[in-house]
Amino acid sequence: MPIKNKEPYQQEYYAPIPTGFTRYMRASLIWQVVRFLVINWKIFKLMTRSHISR
């Protein structure tokens, strides 16, 4: 299968533009707090498992 030669500066070379919902989720303080709590809970579970198994 031959490789197509892509011209520079075509649409495929640029990063996708985030949607309105994506931008809202990135800026929402409520969502950031929820994610912070979820990630910390996962880390807490991991830490407790490692200390119990000793």
Protein backbone atom coordinates (compact mmCIF):
# COMPACT_ATOMS: atom_id res chain seq x y z
CA MET A 1 0.00 0.00 0.00
CA PRO A 2 1.67 3.24 -1.08
CA ILE A 3 2.12 6.04 1.44
CA LYS A 4 0.31 9.24 0.52
CA ASN A 5 2.45 12.34 0.62
CA LYS A 6 0.64 14.84 2.83
CA GLU A 7 1.09 18.50 2.14
CA PRO A 8 2.08 20.65 5.13
CA TYR A 9 -0.45 22.92 6.82
CA GLN A 10 -3.42 20.69 6.09
CA GLN A 11 -6.14 20.18 8.70
CA GLU A 12 -4.57 16.88 9.88
CA TYR A 13 -1.52 18.74 11.17
CA TYR A 14 -3.39 20.94 13.65
CA ALA A 15 -4.61 19.99 17.12
CA PRO A 16 -8.38 19.53 17.49
CA ILE A 17 -10.31 22.48 18.91
CA PRO A 18 -11.98 21.66 22.26
CA THR A 19 -15.76 21.81 22.37
CA GLY A 20 -17.69 24.19 24.59
CA PHE A 21 -18.42 21.37 27.03
CA THR A 22 -14.72 20.48 27.27
CA ARG A 23 -13.77 24.09 27.96
CA TYR A 24 -16.50 24.32 30.61
CA MET A 25 -15.29 21.16 32.36
CA ARG A 26 -11.71 22.46 32.39
CA ALA A 27 -12.78 25.76 33.99
CA SER A 28 -15.47 24.47 36.37
CA LEU A 29 -14.33 24.67 39.99
CA ILE A 30 -17.00 22.18 41.07
CA TRP A 31 -15.75 19.58 38.60
CA GLN A 32 -12.12 20.22 39.63
CA VAL A 33 -13.01 19.63 43.30
CA VAL A 34 -14.80 16.38 42.41
CA ARG A 35 -11.82 15.15 40.38
CA PHE A 36 -9.44 16.17 43.17
CA LEU A 37 -11.43 14.12 45.70
CA VAL A 38 -11.66 11.09 43.41
CA ILE A 39 -7.94 11.08 42.65
CA ASN A 40 -7.05 11.55 46.32
CA TRP A 41 -9.37 8.69 47.29
CA LYS A 42 -7.63 6.41 44.78
CA ILE A 43 -4.22 7.39 46.15
CA PHE A 44 -5.46 6.86 49.72
CA LYS A 45 -6.68 3.33 48.86
CA LEU A 46 -3.35 2.54 47.21
CA MET A 47 -1.40 3.79 50.23
CA THR A 48 -3.51 1.85 52.73
CA ARG A 49 -3.08 -1.36 50.73
CA SER A 50 0.68 -0.96 50.65
CA HIS A 51 0.90 -0.34 54.41
CA ILE A 52 -1.41 -3.22 55.34
CA SER A 53 0.53 -5.78 53.31
CA ARG A 54 3.79 -5.19 55.26
